[in-house]
């Protein structure tokens, strides 16, 4: 079945990345169902606001429920006509996973197994799963490649994402379902979660509060603009590849201090920095080699970091 020939289920579709993807797929004319538990990790009102435009579309349906509940998944998928699932739901964040590792394993790993099992039972042939660059662990040099060893995650969150990739492969091998695991590198942009660094920094700057920087500020991340990431997810949705793991990043590095400087320019505010000890579980660098996704899908991120930061800053100011 062509992924665009039927309805698409987006789990976690009320979140930052999910709602941005939903808007894009609705603009492309697809029929969508979003399943979201509205977990209180951050305010439900913000997630509802993310879906405000989508809820005006006759092609959109919203279901509240937990991916760990087989009855919820069966009820949604039992009507047939679903051609694909984009599975974005799960618990996010490295630091909270240190405090609740068993809960993260339950939601992320068991929840993903439930989604894949429901897809097989309902005859949904294709799943795009949101994995994470966290699976690469601590690396001191070089770009991260999909064939790099990933057996040493340094947080429970990272471990759950790697476990999900392995479960997805087992479903492909035994059931024939096609799965693309998208290893997502630090996403940013409008609708960004409140706990993520760029938004946290910007909100504190606007409030006249110091910006917390862990370590010496030299940590680098492959910051990826959310619309570029969504482009990649759409390409992965449209082009099943059997079983695949692909990096979705910008293919460049930027330090935390550089991000602060870009925010200063975009917001017109000079930041006061609060220096704090480096956090357990945080990696010192992420850097995506995106050549495999480019070759397999035509993935080509195009948003310069300073442009993306400008878009984010305008969105945040409009919310104040």
C-alpha atoms as a PDB file:
ATOM      1  CA  UNK A   1       0.000   0.000   0.000  1.00  0.00           C
ATOM      2  CA  UNK A   2       1.280   3.447  -0.887  1.00  0.00           C
ATOM      3  CA  UNK A   3       1.790   5.377   2.374  1.00  0.00           C
ATOM      4  CA  UNK A   4      -0.280   8.231   0.952  1.00  0.00           C
ATOM      5  CA  UNK A   5      -3.145   5.988  -0.181  1.00  0.00           C
ATOM      6  CA  UNK A   6      -4.730   5.692   3.260  1.00  0.00           C
ATOM      7  CA  UNK A   7      -5.056   7.369   6.632  1.00  0.00           C
ATOM      8  CA  UNK A   8      -1.898   7.947   8.705  1.00  0.00           C
ATOM      9  CA  UNK A   9      -1.756   7.542  12.479  1.00  0.00           C
ATOM     10  CA  UNK A  10       0.621   9.926  14.256  1.00  0.00           C
ATOM     11  CA  UNK A  11       1.317   8.969  17.868  1.00  0.00           C
ATOM     12  CA  UNK A  12       2.449  11.861  20.037  1.00  0.00           C
ATOM     13  CA  UNK A  13       1.034  14.211  17.442  1.00  0.00           C
ATOM     14  CA  UNK A  14       0.247  17.014  19.896  1.00  0.00           C
ATOM     15  CA  UNK A  15       3.891  17.601  20.757  1.00  0.00           C
ATOM     16  CA  UNK A  16       6.546  19.864  19.283  1.00  0.00           C
ATOM     17  CA  UNK A  17       7.683  17.696  16.381  1.00  0.00           C
ATOM     18  CA  UNK A  18       4.409  15.800  16.070  1.00  0.00           C
ATOM     19  CA  UNK A  19       2.147  18.818  15.631  1.00  0.00           C
ATOM     20  CA  UNK A  20       4.542  20.360  13.115  1.00  0.00           C
ATOM     21  CA  UNK A  21       4.421  17.120  11.127  1.00  0.00           C
ATOM     22  CA  UNK A  22       0.625  17.026  11.405  1.00  0.00           C
ATOM     23  CA  UNK A  23       0.296  20.509   9.915  1.00  0.00           C
ATOM     24  CA  UNK A  24       2.589  19.522   7.064  1.00  0.00           C
ATOM     25  CA  UNK A  25       0.722  16.295   6.251  1.00  0.00           C
ATOM     26  CA  UNK A  26      -2.662  18.029   6.378  1.00  0.00           C
ATOM     27  CA  UNK A  27      -1.322  20.677   3.995  1.00  0.00           C
ATOM     28  CA  UNK A  28      -0.320  17.814   1.710  1.00  0.00           C
ATOM     29  CA  UNK A  29      -3.930  16.558   1.735  1.00  0.00           C
ATOM     30  CA  UNK A  30      -3.553  13.443   3.903  1.00  0.00           C
ATOM     31  CA  UNK A  31      -6.158  12.054   6.290  1.00  0.00           C
ATOM     32  CA  UNK A  32      -4.731  11.881   9.807  1.00  0.00           C
ATOM     33  CA  UNK A  33      -5.515  10.490  13.220  1.00  0.00           C
ATOM     34  CA  UNK A  34      -3.457  11.725  16.169  1.00  0.00           C
ATOM     35  CA  UNK A  35      -3.131   9.630  19.318  1.00  0.00           C
ATOM     36  CA  UNK A  36      -1.768  11.512  22.331  1.00  0.00           C
ATOM     37  CA  UNK A  37      -1.962  10.868  26.060  1.00  0.00           C
ATOM     38  CA  UNK A  38      -1.303  14.553  26.906  1.00  0.00           C
ATOM     39  CA  UNK A  39       1.258  13.434  29.475  1.00  0.00           C
ATOM     40  CA  UNK A  40       1.815  16.238  32.016  1.00  0.00           C
ATOM     41  CA  UNK A  41       5.526  16.516  31.201  1.00  0.00           C
ATOM     42  CA  UNK A  42       4.546  20.025  30.139  1.00  0.00           C
ATOM     43  CA  UNK A  43       1.148  21.810  30.126  1.00  0.00           C
ATOM     44  CA  UNK A  44      -1.673  20.279  28.120  1.00  0.00           C
ATOM     45  CA  UNK A  45      -2.845  23.758  27.115  1.00  0.00           C
ATOM     46  CA  UNK A  46       0.339  24.192  25.136  1.00  0.00           C
ATOM     47  CA  UNK A  47      -0.174  20.898  23.315  1.00  0.00           C
ATOM     48  CA  UNK A  48      -3.790  21.762  22.566  1.00  0.00           C
ATOM     49  CA  UNK A  49      -2.613  25.072  21.139  1.00  0.00           C
ATOM     50  CA  UNK A  50      -0.205  23.166  18.881  1.00  0.00           C
ATOM     51  CA  UNK A  51      -3.215  21.412  17.306  1.00  0.00           C
ATOM     52  CA  UNK A  52      -5.502  24.437  17.056  1.00  0.00           C
ATOM     53  CA  UNK A  53      -5.130  24.793  13.288  1.00  0.00           C
ATOM     54  CA  UNK A  54      -5.250  21.040  12.664  1.00  0.00           C
ATOM     55  CA  UNK A  55      -8.530  20.683  14.521  1.00  0.00           C
ATOM     56  CA  UNK A  56     -10.198  22.933  11.965  1.00  0.00           C
ATOM     57  CA  UNK A  57      -9.514  20.395   9.211  1.00  0.00           C
ATOM     58  CA  UNK A  58     -12.116  17.797   8.188  1.00  0.00           C
ATOM     59  CA  UNK A  59      -9.211  15.425   7.496  1.00  0.00           C
ATOM     60  CA  UNK A  60      -8.080  15.401  11.149  1.00  0.00           C
ATOM     61  CA  UNK A  61      -9.143  13.244  14.091  1.00  0.00           C
ATOM     62  CA  UNK A  62      -7.781  13.408  17.653  1.00  0.00           C
ATOM     63  CA  UNK A  63      -7.842  10.481  20.070  1.00  0.00           C
ATOM     64  CA  UNK A  64      -6.732  10.723  23.685  1.00  0.00           C
ATOM     65  CA  UNK A  65      -5.091   7.542  24.901  1.00  0.00           C
ATOM     66  CA  UNK A  66      -1.980   5.648  25.930  1.00  0.00           C
ATOM     67  CA  UNK A  67       0.177   3.725  23.446  1.00  0.00           C
ATOM     68  CA  UNK A  68       0.524   0.984  26.086  1.00  0.00           C
ATOM     69  CA  UNK A  69      -3.201   0.232  25.910  1.00  0.00           C
ATOM     70  CA  UNK A  70      -3.828  -2.393  23.188  1.00  0.00           C
ATOM     71  CA  UNK A  71      -7.573  -1.692  23.282  1.00  0.00           C
ATOM     72  CA  UNK A  72      -7.022   1.964  22.386  1.00  0.00           C
ATOM     73  CA  UNK A  73      -4.765   1.056  19.475  1.00  0.00           C
ATOM     74  CA  UNK A  74      -7.145  -1.661  18.273  1.00  0.00           C
ATOM     75  CA  UNK A  75     -10.115   0.695  18.419  1.00  0.00           C
ATOM     76  CA  UNK A  76      -8.314   3.298  16.329  1.00  0.00           C
ATOM     77  CA  UNK A  77      -6.913   0.911  13.734  1.00  0.00           C
ATOM     78  CA  UNK A  78      -9.827  -1.552  13.531  1.00  0.00           C
ATOM     79  CA  UNK A  79     -11.670   0.470  10.930  1.00  0.00           C
ATOM     80  CA  UNK A  80      -8.938  -0.277   8.413  1.00  0.00           C
ATOM     81  CA  UNK A  81      -7.684   2.103   5.781  1.00  0.00           C
ATOM     82  CA  UNK A  82      -4.468   3.011   7.604  1.00  0.00           C
ATOM     83  CA  UNK A  83      -1.427   2.957   5.356  1.00  0.00           C
ATOM     84  CA  UNK A  84       1.243   4.008   7.877  1.00  0.00           C
ATOM     85  CA  UNK A  85       2.052   5.013  11.440  1.00  0.00           C
ATOM     86  CA  UNK A  86       4.482   7.742  12.446  1.00  0.00           C
ATOM     87  CA  UNK A  87       5.364   6.779  16.011  1.00  0.00           C
ATOM     88  CA  UNK A  88       6.593   9.836  17.911  1.00  0.00           C
ATOM     89  CA  UNK A  89       4.960   9.174  21.294  1.00  0.00           C
ATOM     90  CA  UNK A  90       7.146   8.459  24.294  1.00  0.00           C
ATOM     91  CA  UNK A  91       8.838   9.985  27.291  1.00  0.00           C
ATOM     92  CA  UNK A  92      11.556  12.466  26.374  1.00  0.00           C
ATOM     93  CA  UNK A  93      14.520  13.911  28.190  1.00  0.00           C
ATOM     94  CA  UNK A  94      17.799  12.500  29.443  1.00  0.00           C
ATOM     95  CA  UNK A  95      17.749  13.953  32.955  1.00  0.00           C
ATOM     96  CA  UNK A  96      14.206  12.880  33.925  1.00  0.00           C
ATOM     97  CA  UNK A  97      15.042   9.349  32.772  1.00  0.00           C
ATOM     98  CA  UNK A  98      17.731   9.178  35.456  1.00  0.00           C
ATOM     99  CA  UNK A  99      15.012   9.654  38.082  1.00  0.00           C
ATOM    100  CA  UNK A 100      12.408   7.301  36.577  1.00  0.00           C
ATOM    101  CA  UNK A 101      14.252   4.676  34.500  1.00  0.00           C
ATOM    102  CA  UNK A 102      11.644   1.928  34.910  1.00  0.00           C
ATOM    103  CA  UNK A 103       8.835   4.260  33.863  1.00  0.00           C
ATOM    104  CA  UNK A 104      10.809   5.333  30.786  1.00  0.00           C
ATOM    105  CA  UNK A 105      11.371   1.697  29.857  1.00  0.00           C
ATOM    106  CA  UNK A 106       7.690   0.924  30.295  1.00  0.00           C
ATOM    107  CA  UNK A 107       6.389   3.825  28.200  1.00  0.00           C
ATOM    108  CA  UNK A 108       9.055   3.892  25.511  1.00  0.00           C
ATOM    109  CA  UNK A 109       9.917   0.219  25.059  1.00  0.00           C
ATOM    110  CA  UNK A 110       6.679  -1.538  25.943  1.00  0.00           C
ATOM    111  CA  UNK A 111       4.694   1.252  24.298  1.00  0.00           C
ATOM    112  CA  UNK A 112       6.623   0.867  21.038  1.00  0.00           C
ATOM    113  CA  UNK A 113       6.128  -2.901  21.116  1.00  0.00           C
ATOM    114  CA  UNK A 114       2.389  -2.312  21.547  1.00  0.00           C
ATOM    115  CA  UNK A 115       2.298   0.075  18.575  1.00  0.00           C
ATOM    116  CA  UNK A 116       4.176  -2.376  16.348  1.00  0.00           C
ATOM    117  CA  UNK A 117       2.003  -5.299  17.439  1.00  0.00           C
ATOM    118  CA  UNK A 118      -1.147  -3.287  16.735  1.00  0.00           C
ATOM    119  CA  UNK A 119       0.200  -2.336  13.303  1.00  0.00           C
ATOM    120  CA  UNK A 120       0.779  -5.987  12.420  1.00  0.00           C
ATOM    121  CA  UNK A 121      -2.657  -7.061  13.638  1.00  0.00           C
ATOM    122  CA  UNK A 122      -4.371  -4.263  11.704  1.00  0.00           C
ATOM    123  CA  UNK A 123      -2.353  -4.840   8.539  1.00  0.00           C
ATOM    124  CA  UNK A 124      -0.618  -1.464   8.617  1.00  0.00           C
ATOM    125  CA  UNK A 125       2.479  -2.083   6.489  1.00  0.00           C
ATOM    126  CA  UNK A 126       4.807   0.813   7.327  1.00  0.00           C
ATOM    127  CA  UNK A 127       6.017   2.552  10.499  1.00  0.00           C
ATOM    128  CA  UNK A 128       8.336   5.523  10.941  1.00  0.00           C
ATOM    129  CA  UNK A 129       9.765   5.502  14.466  1.00  0.00           C
ATOM    130  CA  UNK A 130      11.355   8.489  16.215  1.00  0.00           C
ATOM    131  CA  UNK A 131      14.640   7.313  17.694  1.00  0.00           C
ATOM    132  CA  UNK A 132      17.342   9.634  19.008  1.00  0.00           C
ATOM    133  CA  UNK A 133      20.952  10.654  18.555  1.00  0.00           C
ATOM    134  CA  UNK A 134      21.316   9.780  22.250  1.00  0.00           C
ATOM    135  CA  UNK A 135      21.819   6.132  21.256  1.00  0.00           C
ATOM    136  CA  UNK A 136      25.366   6.984  20.101  1.00  0.00           C
ATOM    137  CA  UNK A 137      26.533   7.676  23.655  1.00  0.00           C
ATOM    138  CA  UNK A 138      29.714   9.615  24.326  1.00  0.00           C
ATOM    139  CA  UNK A 139      31.905  10.230  21.259  1.00  0.00           C
ATOM    140  CA  UNK A 140      35.055  12.335  21.224  1.00  0.00           C
ATOM    141  CA  UNK A 141      35.530  12.786  17.497  1.00  0.00           C
ATOM    142  CA  UNK A 142      34.051  12.291  14.046  1.00  0.00           C
ATOM    143  CA  UNK A 143      30.530  12.467  12.696  1.00  0.00           C
ATOM    144  CA  UNK A 144      28.013   9.908  13.984  1.00  0.00           C
ATOM    145  CA  UNK A 145      27.231   7.212  11.400  1.00  0.00           C
ATOM    146  CA  UNK A 146      24.435   4.692  11.458  1.00  0.00           C
ATOM    147  CA  UNK A 147      26.872   1.761  11.462  1.00  0.00           C
ATOM    148  CA  UNK A 148      28.772   3.059  14.512  1.00  0.00           C
ATOM    149  CA  UNK A 149      28.638   0.831  17.618  1.00  0.00           C
ATOM    150  CA  UNK A 150      25.788   1.845  19.921  1.00  0.00           C
ATOM    151  CA  UNK A 151      26.041  -0.678  22.741  1.00  0.00           C
ATOM    152  CA  UNK A 152      27.069   1.876  25.402  1.00  0.00           C
ATOM    153  CA  UNK A 153      24.211   4.349  26.017  1.00  0.00           C
ATOM    154  CA  UNK A 154      24.878   6.667  28.963  1.00  0.00           C
ATOM    155  CA  UNK A 155      21.293   7.366  30.058  1.00  0.00           C
ATOM    156  CA  UNK A 156      18.161   5.262  30.521  1.00  0.00           C
ATOM    157  CA  UNK A 157      16.457   7.410  27.871  1.00  0.00           C
ATOM    158  CA  UNK A 158      19.125   6.521  25.313  1.00  0.00           C
ATOM    159  CA  UNK A 159      18.911   2.862  26.262  1.00  0.00           C
ATOM    160  CA  UNK A 160      15.146   2.825  25.687  1.00  0.00           C
ATOM    161  CA  UNK A 161      15.529   4.306  22.215  1.00  0.00           C
ATOM    162  CA  UNK A 162      18.120   1.706  21.236  1.00  0.00           C
ATOM    163  CA  UNK A 163      15.894  -1.042  22.634  1.00  0.00           C
ATOM    164  CA  UNK A 164      13.031   0.245  20.474  1.00  0.00           C
ATOM    165  CA  UNK A 165      15.221   0.044  17.371  1.00  0.00           C
ATOM    166  CA  UNK A 166      16.016  -3.592  18.150  1.00  0.00           C
ATOM    167  CA  UNK A 167      12.354  -4.433  18.736  1.00  0.00           C
ATOM    168  CA  UNK A 168      11.456  -2.730  15.461  1.00  0.00           C
ATOM    169  CA  UNK A 169      14.016  -4.867  13.625  1.00  0.00           C
ATOM    170  CA  UNK A 170      12.569  -8.027  15.141  1.00  0.00           C
ATOM    171  CA  UNK A 171       9.083  -7.062  13.916  1.00  0.00           C
ATOM    172  CA  UNK A 172      10.436  -6.422  10.431  1.00  0.00           C
ATOM    173  CA  UNK A 173      12.266  -9.752  10.398  1.00  0.00           C
ATOM    174  CA  UNK A 174       9.393 -11.852  11.725  1.00  0.00           C
ATOM    175  CA  UNK A 175       6.322 -10.005  10.465  1.00  0.00           C
ATOM    176  CA  UNK A 176       7.507  -8.268   7.294  1.00  0.00           C
ATOM    177  CA  UNK A 177       6.460  -4.795   8.422  1.00  0.00           C
ATOM    178  CA  UNK A 178       8.679  -1.998   7.082  1.00  0.00           C
ATOM    179  CA  UNK A 179      10.199   0.313   9.684  1.00  0.00           C
ATOM    180  CA  UNK A 180      12.377   3.396   9.346  1.00  0.00           C
ATOM    181  CA  UNK A 181      14.050   4.417  12.597  1.00  0.00           C
ATOM    182  CA  UNK A 182      14.774   8.144  12.454  1.00  0.00           C
ATOM    183  CA  UNK A 183      17.661   9.047  14.740  1.00  0.00           C
ATOM    184  CA  UNK A 184      16.690  12.626  15.502  1.00  0.00           C
ATOM    185  CA  UNK A 185      19.368  15.150  16.444  1.00  0.00           C
ATOM    186  CA  UNK A 186      18.573  18.119  18.713  1.00  0.00           C
ATOM    187  CA  UNK A 187      15.412  19.640  17.222  1.00  0.00           C
ATOM    188  CA  UNK A 188      14.541  23.312  17.709  1.00  0.00           C
ATOM    189  CA  UNK A 189      12.067  25.831  16.325  1.00  0.00           C
ATOM    190  CA  UNK A 190       8.540  27.155  16.951  1.00  0.00           C
ATOM    191  CA  UNK A 191       6.536  25.041  19.471  1.00  0.00           C
ATOM    192  CA  UNK A 192       9.743  23.775  21.071  1.00  0.00           C
ATOM    193  CA  UNK A 193       9.226  22.041  24.414  1.00  0.00           C
ATOM    194  CA  UNK A 194       9.774  24.261  27.475  1.00  0.00           C
ATOM    195  CA  UNK A 195      12.500  21.990  28.864  1.00  0.00           C
ATOM    196  CA  UNK A 196      14.760  22.146  25.809  1.00  0.00           C
ATOM    197  CA  UNK A 197      17.821  24.368  25.994  1.00  0.00           C
ATOM    198  CA  UNK A 198      17.097  26.965  23.323  1.00  0.00           C
ATOM    199  CA  UNK A 199      13.634  27.740  24.640  1.00  0.00           C
ATOM    200  CA  UNK A 200      14.731  27.619  28.273  1.00  0.00           C
ATOM    201  CA  UNK A 201      17.576  30.014  27.533  1.00  0.00           C
ATOM    202  CA  UNK A 202      15.372  32.405  25.577  1.00  0.00           C
ATOM    203  CA  UNK A 203      12.576  32.519  28.151  1.00  0.00           C
ATOM    204  CA  UNK A 204      15.027  33.247  30.941  1.00  0.00           C
ATOM    205  CA  UNK A 205      16.670  35.988  28.875  1.00  0.00           C
ATOM    206  CA  UNK A 206      13.296  37.614  28.199  1.00  0.00           C
ATOM    207  CA  UNK A 207      12.512  37.422  31.924  1.00  0.00           C
ATOM    208  CA  UNK A 208      15.841  39.025  32.877  1.00  0.00           C
ATOM    209  CA  UNK A 209      17.086  35.826  34.520  1.00  0.00           C
ATOM    210  CA  UNK A 210      20.504  34.169  34.115  1.00  0.00           C
ATOM    211  CA  UNK A 211      20.975  31.399  31.558  1.00  0.00           C
ATOM    212  CA  UNK A 212      22.124  28.083  33.089  1.00  0.00           C
ATOM    213  CA  UNK A 213      25.097  26.604  31.222  1.00  0.00           C
ATOM    214  CA  UNK A 214      26.316  23.201  32.358  1.00  0.00           C
ATOM    215  CA  UNK A 215      30.044  22.551  32.173  1.00  0.00           C
ATOM    216  CA  UNK A 216      32.263  25.065  30.416  1.00  0.00           C
ATOM    217  CA  UNK A 217      29.870  25.803  27.542  1.00  0.00           C
ATOM    218  CA  UNK A 218      31.975  23.942  24.992  1.00  0.00           C
ATOM    219  CA  UNK A 219      29.478  21.113  24.530  1.00  0.00           C
ATOM    220  CA  UNK A 220      28.305  20.968  20.933  1.00  0.00           C
ATOM    221  CA  UNK A 221      25.071  19.765  19.387  1.00  0.00           C
ATOM    222  CA  UNK A 222      23.791  19.182  15.891  1.00  0.00           C
ATOM    223  CA  UNK A 223      20.848  21.590  16.177  1.00  0.00           C
ATOM    224  CA  UNK A 224      18.226  20.700  13.558  1.00  0.00           C
ATOM    225  CA  UNK A 225      15.414  23.044  12.540  1.00  0.00           C
ATOM    226  CA  UNK A 226      12.059  21.363  13.038  1.00  0.00           C
ATOM    227  CA  UNK A 227      10.806  21.955   9.477  1.00  0.00           C
ATOM    228  CA  UNK A 228      13.940  20.315   8.072  1.00  0.00           C
ATOM    229  CA  UNK A 229      13.372  17.380  10.382  1.00  0.00           C
ATOM    230  CA  UNK A 230       9.727  17.136   9.306  1.00  0.00           C
ATOM    231  CA  UNK A 231      10.889  17.093   5.681  1.00  0.00           C
ATOM    232  CA  UNK A 232      12.934  14.027   6.582  1.00  0.00           C
ATOM    233  CA  UNK A 233      10.041  12.304   8.344  1.00  0.00           C
ATOM    234  CA  UNK A 234       7.785  12.895   5.339  1.00  0.00           C
ATOM    235  CA  UNK A 235      10.414  11.425   3.025  1.00  0.00           C
ATOM    236  CA  UNK A 236      10.697   8.408   5.342  1.00  0.00           C
ATOM    237  CA  UNK A 237       6.912   8.065   5.342  1.00  0.00           C
ATOM    238  CA  UNK A 238       6.721   8.158   1.550  1.00  0.00           C
ATOM    239  CA  UNK A 239       9.598   5.768   0.861  1.00  0.00           C
ATOM    240  CA  UNK A 240       9.554   2.497   2.835  1.00  0.00           C
ATOM    241  CA  UNK A 241      13.024   0.941   2.862  1.00  0.00           C
ATOM    242  CA  UNK A 242      12.440  -2.449   4.477  1.00  0.00           C
ATOM    243  CA  UNK A 243      14.195  -1.920   7.785  1.00  0.00           C
ATOM    244  CA  UNK A 244      16.457   1.105   8.037  1.00  0.00           C
ATOM    245  CA  UNK A 245      18.099   3.374  10.585  1.00  0.00           C
ATOM    246  CA  UNK A 246      18.848   6.891   9.358  1.00  0.00           C
ATOM    247  CA  UNK A 247      20.253  10.049  10.919  1.00  0.00           C
ATOM    248  CA  UNK A 248      18.090  13.160  10.697  1.00  0.00           C
ATOM    249  CA  UNK A 249      20.232  16.118  11.704  1.00  0.00           C
ATOM    250  CA  UNK A 250      21.615  19.273  10.154  1.00  0.00           C
ATOM    251  CA  UNK A 251      25.085  17.835   9.608  1.00  0.00           C
ATOM    252  CA  UNK A 252      26.865  20.592  11.553  1.00  0.00           C
ATOM    253  CA  UNK A 253      27.891  21.351  15.129  1.00  0.00           C
ATOM    254  CA  UNK A 254      27.313  24.432  17.275  1.00  0.00           C
ATOM    255  CA  UNK A 255      28.387  25.014  20.862  1.00  0.00           C
ATOM    256  CA  UNK A 256      26.017  25.956  23.652  1.00  0.00           C
ATOM    257  CA  UNK A 257      27.743  29.326  24.026  1.00  0.00           C
ATOM    258  CA  UNK A 258      27.290  29.998  20.298  1.00  0.00           C
ATOM    259  CA  UNK A 259      23.574  29.352  20.727  1.00  0.00           C
ATOM    260  CA  UNK A 260      23.453  31.895  23.542  1.00  0.00           C
ATOM    261  CA  UNK A 261      25.146  34.474  21.273  1.00  0.00           C
ATOM    262  CA  UNK A 262      22.664  33.791  18.452  1.00  0.00           C
ATOM    263  CA  UNK A 263      19.767  34.210  20.876  1.00  0.00           C
ATOM    264  CA  UNK A 264      21.238  37.490  22.119  1.00  0.00           C
ATOM    265  CA  UNK A 265      21.228  38.756  18.549  1.00  0.00           C
ATOM    266  CA  UNK A 266      17.722  37.472  17.743  1.00  0.00           C
ATOM    267  CA  UNK A 267      16.162  38.759  20.981  1.00  0.00           C
ATOM    268  CA  UNK A 268      18.204  41.943  21.353  1.00  0.00           C
ATOM    269  CA  UNK A 269      19.170  40.980  24.901  1.00  0.00           C
ATOM    270  CA  UNK A 270      22.555  40.404  26.516  1.00  0.00           C
ATOM    271  CA  UNK A 271      22.535  37.160  28.471  1.00  0.00           C
ATOM    272  CA  UNK A 272      23.850  36.694  31.985  1.00  0.00           C
ATOM    273  CA  UNK A 273      25.309  33.191  32.293  1.00  0.00           C
ATOM    274  CA  UNK A 274      25.042  31.003  35.375  1.00  0.00           C
ATOM    275  CA  UNK A 275      27.800  28.386  35.265  1.00  0.00           C
ATOM    276  CA  UNK A 276      26.782  24.984  36.629  1.00  0.00           C
ATOM    277  CA  UNK A 277      28.472  21.552  36.882  1.00  0.00           C
ATOM    278  CA  UNK A 278      28.126  19.207  33.937  1.00  0.00           C
ATOM    279  CA  UNK A 279      25.134  16.879  34.258  1.00  0.00           C
ATOM    280  CA  UNK A 280      25.321  13.093  34.441  1.00  0.00           C
ATOM    281  CA  UNK A 281      23.877  11.503  31.301  1.00  0.00           C
ATOM    282  CA  UNK A 282      24.603  14.450  29.012  1.00  0.00           C
ATOM    283  CA  UNK A 283      26.934  13.791  26.109  1.00  0.00           C
ATOM    284  CA  UNK A 284      29.572  16.357  25.186  1.00  0.00           C
ATOM    285  CA  UNK A 285      28.825  16.363  21.466  1.00  0.00           C
ATOM    286  CA  UNK A 286      26.452  15.223  18.747  1.00  0.00           C
ATOM    287  CA  UNK A 287      27.186  15.468  15.035  1.00  0.00           C
ATOM    288  CA  UNK A 288      25.156  13.715  12.341  1.00  0.00           C
ATOM    289  CA  UNK A 289      26.563  12.191   9.215  1.00  0.00           C
ATOM    290  CA  UNK A 290      23.454  12.578   7.029  1.00  0.00           C
ATOM    291  CA  UNK A 291      24.861  11.075   3.839  1.00  0.00           C
ATOM    292  CA  UNK A 292      22.850   7.846   4.203  1.00  0.00           C
ATOM    293  CA  UNK A 293      19.530   9.702   4.539  1.00  0.00           C
ATOM    294  CA  UNK A 294      20.507  11.945   1.639  1.00  0.00           C
ATOM    295  CA  UNK A 295      21.269   8.970  -0.580  1.00  0.00           C
ATOM    296  CA  UNK A 296      18.292   6.832   0.471  1.00  0.00           C
ATOM    297  CA  UNK A 297      15.611   9.516   0.663  1.00  0.00           C
ATOM    298  CA  UNK A 298      16.943  12.754  -0.772  1.00  0.00           C
ATOM    299  CA  UNK A 299      17.022  14.323   2.689  1.00  0.00           C
ATOM    300  CA  UNK A 300      18.566  17.800   2.473  1.00  0.00           C
ATOM    301  CA  UNK A 301      18.195  20.172   5.451  1.00  0.00           C
ATOM    302  CA  UNK A 302      18.343  23.758   4.270  1.00  0.00           C
ATOM    303  CA  UNK A 303      17.733  26.127   7.201  1.00  0.00           C
ATOM    304  CA  UNK A 304      20.818  28.031   8.427  1.00  0.00           C
ATOM    305  CA  UNK A 305      21.048  28.061  12.210  1.00  0.00           C
ATOM    306  CA  UNK A 306      20.786  31.841  12.519  1.00  0.00           C
ATOM    307  CA  UNK A 307      17.649  31.813  10.337  1.00  0.00           C
ATOM    308  CA  UNK A 308      16.026  29.056  12.367  1.00  0.00           C
ATOM    309  CA  UNK A 309      16.863  30.823  15.631  1.00  0.00           C
ATOM    310  CA  UNK A 310      15.256  33.960  14.204  1.00  0.00           C
ATOM    311  CA  UNK A 311      12.045  32.049  13.377  1.00  0.00           C
ATOM    312  CA  UNK A 312      12.000  30.588  16.875  1.00  0.00           C
ATOM    313  CA  UNK A 313      12.594  33.977  18.529  1.00  0.00           C
ATOM    314  CA  UNK A 314       9.702  35.577  16.623  1.00  0.00           C
ATOM    315  CA  UNK A 315       7.376  32.729  17.620  1.00  0.00           C
ATOM    316  CA  UNK A 316       8.389  33.011  21.272  1.00  0.00           C
ATOM    317  CA  UNK A 317       7.935  36.792  21.377  1.00  0.00           C
ATOM    318  CA  UNK A 318       4.452  36.414  19.899  1.00  0.00           C
ATOM    319  CA  UNK A 319       3.551  34.106  22.801  1.00  0.00           C
ATOM    320  CA  UNK A 320       4.630  36.570  25.503  1.00  0.00           C
END
